[in-house]
Amino acid sequence: MTQQHTDQQIAAAAAAFAAGEVTYDETAAVRLPPVPESEPMVPLGLRVPTALAQRIRDAAARAGVPYSQLLREWAEVGLTEMASDQVVSLAALRRAIAHAAQGGRPA
């Protein structure tokens, strides 16, 4: 949970730091951020026609996943098809099969 501070509180803290009035407790327990469960994600811009964007969002809604996850899975499946020796998640394959069975075109 993020704590919000006023501009006055931030200015006072900066002044105290600049004046050397800030002390540190090296023995205080700290809570580190959680370790990511997967590798970091990078944004990838993709421009598609409005109708295609809606079809993608509809397909993601039917699959019960965010559309960005569905696009990642489709990309994995498509790249795996291009390189026969690569691994793709079983969930991505199942979703691609289910999508194809619903009359959608494969990735």
Protein backbone atom coordinates (compact mmCIF):
# COMPACT_ATOMS: atom_id res chain seq x y z
CA MET A 1 0.00 0.00 0.00
CA THR A 2 1.41 3.38 -1.03
CA GLN A 3 1.31 6.18 1.53
CA GLN A 4 0.54 9.64 0.13
CA HIS A 5 2.33 12.71 1.47
CA THR A 6 1.52 16.39 1.08
CA ASP A 7 3.85 18.82 -0.67
CA GLN A 8 4.57 20.40 2.75
CA GLN A 9 5.58 17.04 4.25
CA ILE A 10 7.87 16.29 1.30
CA ALA A 11 9.47 19.75 1.51
CA ALA A 12 10.00 19.34 5.29
CA ALA A 13 11.58 15.92 4.79
CA ALA A 14 13.89 17.28 2.07
CA ALA A 15 14.92 20.18 4.33
CA ALA A 16 15.63 17.80 7.24
CA PHE A 17 17.71 15.60 4.96
CA ALA A 18 19.65 18.59 3.60
CA ALA A 19 20.29 19.80 7.17
CA GLY A 20 21.65 16.40 8.21
CA GLU A 21 18.80 15.81 10.63
CA VAL A 22 17.87 12.43 9.18
CA THR A 23 19.04 9.36 11.07
CA TYR A 24 19.09 5.77 9.91
CA ASP A 25 18.47 2.60 11.88
CA GLU A 26 20.67 -0.04 10.26
CA THR A 27 19.13 -2.70 12.51
CA ALA A 28 15.55 -2.05 11.45
CA ALA A 29 13.82 -4.95 9.76
CA VAL A 30 13.09 -4.35 6.11
CA ARG A 31 10.59 -5.98 3.83
CA LEU A 32 11.98 -6.52 0.36
CA PRO A 33 9.68 -6.42 -2.65
CA PRO A 34 8.48 -9.82 -3.80
CA VAL A 35 10.55 -11.68 -6.36
CA PRO A 36 8.83 -11.58 -9.75
CA GLU A 37 7.22 -14.87 -10.70
CA SER A 38 8.25 -14.48 -14.32
CA GLU A 39 10.73 -12.56 -16.37
CA PRO A 40 10.17 -8.81 -16.70
CA MET A 41 7.72 -7.69 -19.38
CA VAL A 42 8.47 -4.97 -21.93
CA PRO A 43 5.83 -2.96 -23.75
CA LEU A 44 5.44 -3.72 -27.41
CA GLY A 45 3.40 -1.33 -29.53
CA LEU A 46 0.97 -2.93 -31.93
CA ARG A 47 -1.40 -1.03 -34.20
CA VAL A 48 -4.41 -2.94 -35.48
CA PRO A 49 -7.71 -1.92 -37.07
CA THR A 50 -10.55 -1.20 -34.65
CA ALA A 51 -12.56 -4.25 -35.75
CA LEU A 52 -9.57 -6.56 -35.18
CA ALA A 53 -8.92 -5.02 -31.76
CA GLN A 54 -12.52 -5.73 -30.79
CA ARG A 55 -12.26 -9.33 -32.00
CA ILE A 56 -9.12 -9.79 -29.92
CA ARG A 57 -10.80 -8.33 -26.82
CA ASP A 58 -13.85 -10.55 -27.40
CA ALA A 59 -11.66 -13.64 -27.76
CA ALA A 60 -9.80 -12.74 -24.56
CA ALA A 61 -13.10 -12.27 -22.72
CA ARG A 62 -14.30 -15.69 -23.89
CA ALA A 63 -10.99 -17.21 -22.75
CA GLY A 64 -11.23 -15.39 -19.41
CA VAL A 65 -7.81 -13.75 -19.70
CA PRO A 66 -6.55 -10.21 -20.32
CA TYR A 67 -6.14 -9.48 -24.03
CA SER A 68 -2.41 -8.81 -23.59
CA GLN A 69 -1.97 -12.32 -22.18
CA LEU A 70 -3.90 -13.81 -25.09
CA LEU A 71 -1.73 -11.93 -27.60
CA ARG A 72 1.43 -13.14 -25.83
CA GLU A 73 0.17 -16.71 -26.02
CA TRP A 74 -0.71 -16.37 -29.70
CA ALA A 75 2.76 -14.94 -30.37
CA GLU A 76 4.36 -17.87 -28.52
CA VAL A 77 2.35 -20.38 -30.55
CA GLY A 78 3.12 -18.61 -33.84
CA LEU A 79 6.84 -18.37 -33.10
CA THR A 80 6.94 -21.98 -31.98
CA GLU A 81 5.38 -23.02 -35.28
CA MET A 82 8.16 -21.14 -37.08
CA ALA A 83 10.89 -22.84 -35.02
CA SER A 84 9.92 -26.47 -34.49
CA ASP A 85 12.41 -27.03 -31.65
CA GLN A 86 11.06 -24.37 -29.27
CA VAL A 87 8.86 -24.92 -26.23
CA VAL A 88 5.42 -23.35 -25.76
CA SER A 89 3.26 -23.55 -22.65
CA LEU A 90 0.51 -26.14 -22.56
CA ALA A 91 -1.97 -23.44 -21.54
CA ALA A 92 -1.14 -21.44 -24.69
CA LEU A 93 -1.65 -24.51 -26.86
CA ARG A 94 -4.95 -25.40 -25.20
CA ARG A 95 -6.21 -21.86 -25.64
CA ALA A 96 -5.16 -21.84 -29.31
CA ILE A 97 -6.95 -25.15 -29.89
CA ALA A 98 -10.06 -23.89 -28.11
CA HIS A 99 -10.01 -20.70 -30.14
CA ALA A 100 -9.65 -22.64 -33.40
CA ALA A 101 -12.51 -24.92 -32.36
CA GLN A 102 -14.74 -21.86 -31.85
CA GLY A 103 -14.23 -20.94 -35.48
CA GLY A 104 -11.44 -18.43 -34.96
CA ARG A 105 -8.45 -18.31 -37.24
CA PRO A 106 -5.17 -19.64 -35.81
CA ALA A 107 -2.48 -17.18 -34.77
